[in-house]
Amino acid sequence: MKRKRSIFAVSVMAFLIVSMFLSTNVLCEEITIKGEVNDNYQIIAEDGQVYEVADTDKGNEVVLQYVGKIVKVTGTIKESDGKEKTITVTSYEVKDIE
């Protein structure tokens, strides 16, 4: 009986580890968003979603040089607590107001 419990516990742990690995990969896909840079180190996307900008060289370029501008940003998203989304900027371009 003790051996069955051990096998069950190991199986559950293996499942959880694989699940975490797979979900991390899905969240690390690059996406592109278009929105306005505000003075709180954020980008407000066209759909109203707020993205915190990660503290990286490219991210700092965007939030320090283009406040009030529309930008098209590509990067990876990290979500915490299902609410706050942080984008790590890998590339960007400043858009003309259309």
C-alpha atoms as a PDB file:
ATOM      1  CA  MET A   1       0.000   0.000   0.000  1.00  0.00           C
ATOM      2  CA  LYS A   2       2.854   2.376   0.860  1.00  0.00           C
ATOM      3  CA  ARG A   3       4.478   1.717  -2.506  1.00  0.00           C
ATOM      4  CA  LYS A   4       1.243   2.592  -4.360  1.00  0.00           C
ATOM      5  CA  ARG A   5       1.063   5.910  -2.530  1.00  0.00           C
ATOM      6  CA  SER A   6       4.671   6.664  -3.442  1.00  0.00           C
ATOM      7  CA  ILE A   7       4.059   5.875  -7.099  1.00  0.00           C
ATOM      8  CA  PHE A   8       0.913   8.017  -7.057  1.00  0.00           C
ATOM      9  CA  ALA A   9       2.762  10.947  -5.421  1.00  0.00           C
ATOM     10  CA  VAL A  10       5.609  10.751  -7.935  1.00  0.00           C
ATOM     11  CA  SER A  11       3.119  10.612 -10.820  1.00  0.00           C
ATOM     12  CA  VAL A  12       1.261  13.668  -9.566  1.00  0.00           C
ATOM     13  CA  MET A  13       4.501  15.605  -9.121  1.00  0.00           C
ATOM     14  CA  ALA A  14       5.684  14.647 -12.608  1.00  0.00           C
ATOM     15  CA  PHE A  15       2.355  15.780 -14.057  1.00  0.00           C
ATOM     16  CA  LEU A  16       2.600  19.122 -12.260  1.00  0.00           C
ATOM     17  CA  ILE A  17       6.157  19.706 -13.434  1.00  0.00           C
ATOM     18  CA  VAL A  18       5.266  18.933 -17.054  1.00  0.00           C
ATOM     19  CA  SER A  19       2.186  21.177 -16.818  1.00  0.00           C
ATOM     20  CA  MET A  20       4.230  24.094 -15.499  1.00  0.00           C
ATOM     21  CA  PHE A  21       6.815  23.626 -18.237  1.00  0.00           C
ATOM     22  CA  LEU A  22       4.200  23.605 -20.975  1.00  0.00           C
ATOM     23  CA  SER A  23       2.301  26.617 -19.628  1.00  0.00           C
ATOM     24  CA  THR A  24       5.534  28.622 -19.328  1.00  0.00           C
ATOM     25  CA  ASN A  25       6.321  27.970 -22.985  1.00  0.00           C
ATOM     26  CA  VAL A  26       2.903  29.147 -24.073  1.00  0.00           C
ATOM     27  CA  LEU A  27       3.264  32.391 -22.117  1.00  0.00           C
ATOM     28  CA  CYS A  28       6.707  33.050 -23.574  1.00  0.00           C
ATOM     29  CA  GLU A  29       5.587  33.294 -27.174  1.00  0.00           C
ATOM     30  CA  GLU A  30       6.282  36.619 -28.803  1.00  0.00           C
ATOM     31  CA  ILE A  31       3.292  38.824 -29.447  1.00  0.00           C
ATOM     32  CA  THR A  32       2.840  42.242 -30.994  1.00  0.00           C
ATOM     33  CA  ILE A  33       0.654  44.940 -29.491  1.00  0.00           C
ATOM     34  CA  LYS A  34      -0.163  48.447 -30.626  1.00  0.00           C
ATOM     35  CA  GLY A  35      -0.963  51.122 -28.092  1.00  0.00           C
ATOM     36  CA  GLU A  36      -0.123  54.393 -26.396  1.00  0.00           C
ATOM     37  CA  VAL A  37       2.795  54.796 -24.017  1.00  0.00           C
ATOM     38  CA  ASN A  38       1.838  56.551 -20.778  1.00  0.00           C
ATOM     39  CA  ASP A  39       4.038  58.125 -18.110  1.00  0.00           C
ATOM     40  CA  ASN A  40       3.597  55.169 -15.717  1.00  0.00           C
ATOM     41  CA  TYR A  41       5.916  52.829 -17.691  1.00  0.00           C
ATOM     42  CA  GLN A  42       2.912  51.223 -19.361  1.00  0.00           C
ATOM     43  CA  ILE A  43       1.444  50.689 -22.791  1.00  0.00           C
ATOM     44  CA  ILE A  44      -2.315  50.934 -23.117  1.00  0.00           C
ATOM     45  CA  ALA A  45      -3.253  48.631 -26.003  1.00  0.00           C
ATOM     46  CA  GLU A  46      -6.007  49.435 -28.491  1.00  0.00           C
ATOM     47  CA  ASP A  47      -8.305  46.977 -26.696  1.00  0.00           C
ATOM     48  CA  GLY A  48      -7.774  48.776 -23.364  1.00  0.00           C
ATOM     49  CA  GLN A  49      -5.456  46.140 -21.882  1.00  0.00           C
ATOM     50  CA  VAL A  50      -2.676  47.657 -19.764  1.00  0.00           C
ATOM     51  CA  TYR A  51       0.835  46.230 -20.143  1.00  0.00           C
ATOM     52  CA  GLU A  52       3.613  47.088 -17.720  1.00  0.00           C
ATOM     53  CA  VAL A  53       6.915  47.484 -19.595  1.00  0.00           C
ATOM     54  CA  ALA A  54       9.781  45.398 -18.217  1.00  0.00           C
ATOM     55  CA  ASP A  55      12.929  47.216 -17.111  1.00  0.00           C
ATOM     56  CA  THR A  56      15.203  46.397 -20.063  1.00  0.00           C
ATOM     57  CA  ASP A  57      17.204  48.575 -22.453  1.00  0.00           C
ATOM     58  CA  LYS A  58      14.574  48.406 -25.210  1.00  0.00           C
ATOM     59  CA  GLY A  59      11.703  48.748 -22.763  1.00  0.00           C
ATOM     60  CA  ASN A  60      13.258  51.834 -21.214  1.00  0.00           C
ATOM     61  CA  GLU A  61      13.798  53.373 -24.664  1.00  0.00           C
ATOM     62  CA  VAL A  62      10.085  53.031 -25.356  1.00  0.00           C
ATOM     63  CA  VAL A  63       8.753  54.364 -22.047  1.00  0.00           C
ATOM     64  CA  LEU A  64      11.257  57.194 -21.683  1.00  0.00           C
ATOM     65  CA  GLN A  65      11.321  58.525 -25.252  1.00  0.00           C
ATOM     66  CA  TYR A  66       7.790  57.976 -26.534  1.00  0.00           C
ATOM     67  CA  VAL A  67       5.327  58.986 -23.789  1.00  0.00           C
ATOM     68  CA  GLY A  68       2.043  59.952 -25.459  1.00  0.00           C
ATOM     69  CA  LYS A  69       3.018  58.265 -28.737  1.00  0.00           C
ATOM     70  CA  ILE A  70       1.472  55.250 -30.421  1.00  0.00           C
ATOM     71  CA  VAL A  71       3.930  52.352 -30.647  1.00  0.00           C
ATOM     72  CA  LYS A  72       3.879  48.887 -32.100  1.00  0.00           C
ATOM     73  CA  VAL A  73       5.764  46.645 -29.670  1.00  0.00           C
ATOM     74  CA  THR A  74       6.860  43.035 -30.022  1.00  0.00           C
ATOM     75  CA  GLY A  75       7.896  41.043 -26.977  1.00  0.00           C
ATOM     76  CA  THR A  76       7.105  38.297 -24.525  1.00  0.00           C
ATOM     77  CA  ILE A  77       4.342  38.541 -21.946  1.00  0.00           C
ATOM     78  CA  LYS A  78       4.557  37.509 -18.318  1.00  0.00           C
ATOM     79  CA  GLU A  79       1.296  37.424 -16.411  1.00  0.00           C
ATOM     80  CA  SER A  80       1.152  37.612 -12.625  1.00  0.00           C
ATOM     81  CA  ASP A  81      -1.916  36.783 -10.570  1.00  0.00           C
ATOM     82  CA  GLY A  82      -3.993  36.681 -13.749  1.00  0.00           C
ATOM     83  CA  LYS A  83      -4.242  40.477 -13.666  1.00  0.00           C
ATOM     84  CA  GLU A  84      -1.021  42.333 -14.343  1.00  0.00           C
ATOM     85  CA  LYS A  85       0.728  41.702 -17.648  1.00  0.00           C
ATOM     86  CA  THR A  86       4.340  42.696 -18.210  1.00  0.00           C
ATOM     87  CA  ILE A  87       5.854  42.851 -21.680  1.00  0.00           C
ATOM     88  CA  THR A  88       9.573  42.397 -22.247  1.00  0.00           C
ATOM     89  CA  VAL A  89      10.171  44.430 -25.379  1.00  0.00           C
ATOM     90  CA  THR A  90      12.296  42.800 -28.081  1.00  0.00           C
ATOM     91  CA  SER A  91      11.532  45.334 -30.827  1.00  0.00           C
ATOM     92  CA  TYR A  92       9.339  48.339 -31.438  1.00  0.00           C
ATOM     93  CA  GLU A  93       8.407  51.030 -33.905  1.00  0.00           C
ATOM     94  CA  VAL A  94       6.730  54.379 -33.417  1.00  0.00           C
ATOM     95  CA  LYS A  95       3.503  54.675 -35.386  1.00  0.00           C
ATOM     96  CA  ASP A  96       2.139  57.786 -37.037  1.00  0.00           C
ATOM     97  CA  ILE A  97      -1.277  58.765 -35.728  1.00  0.00           C
ATOM     98  CA  GLU A  98      -3.773  57.477 -38.249  1.00  0.00           C
END
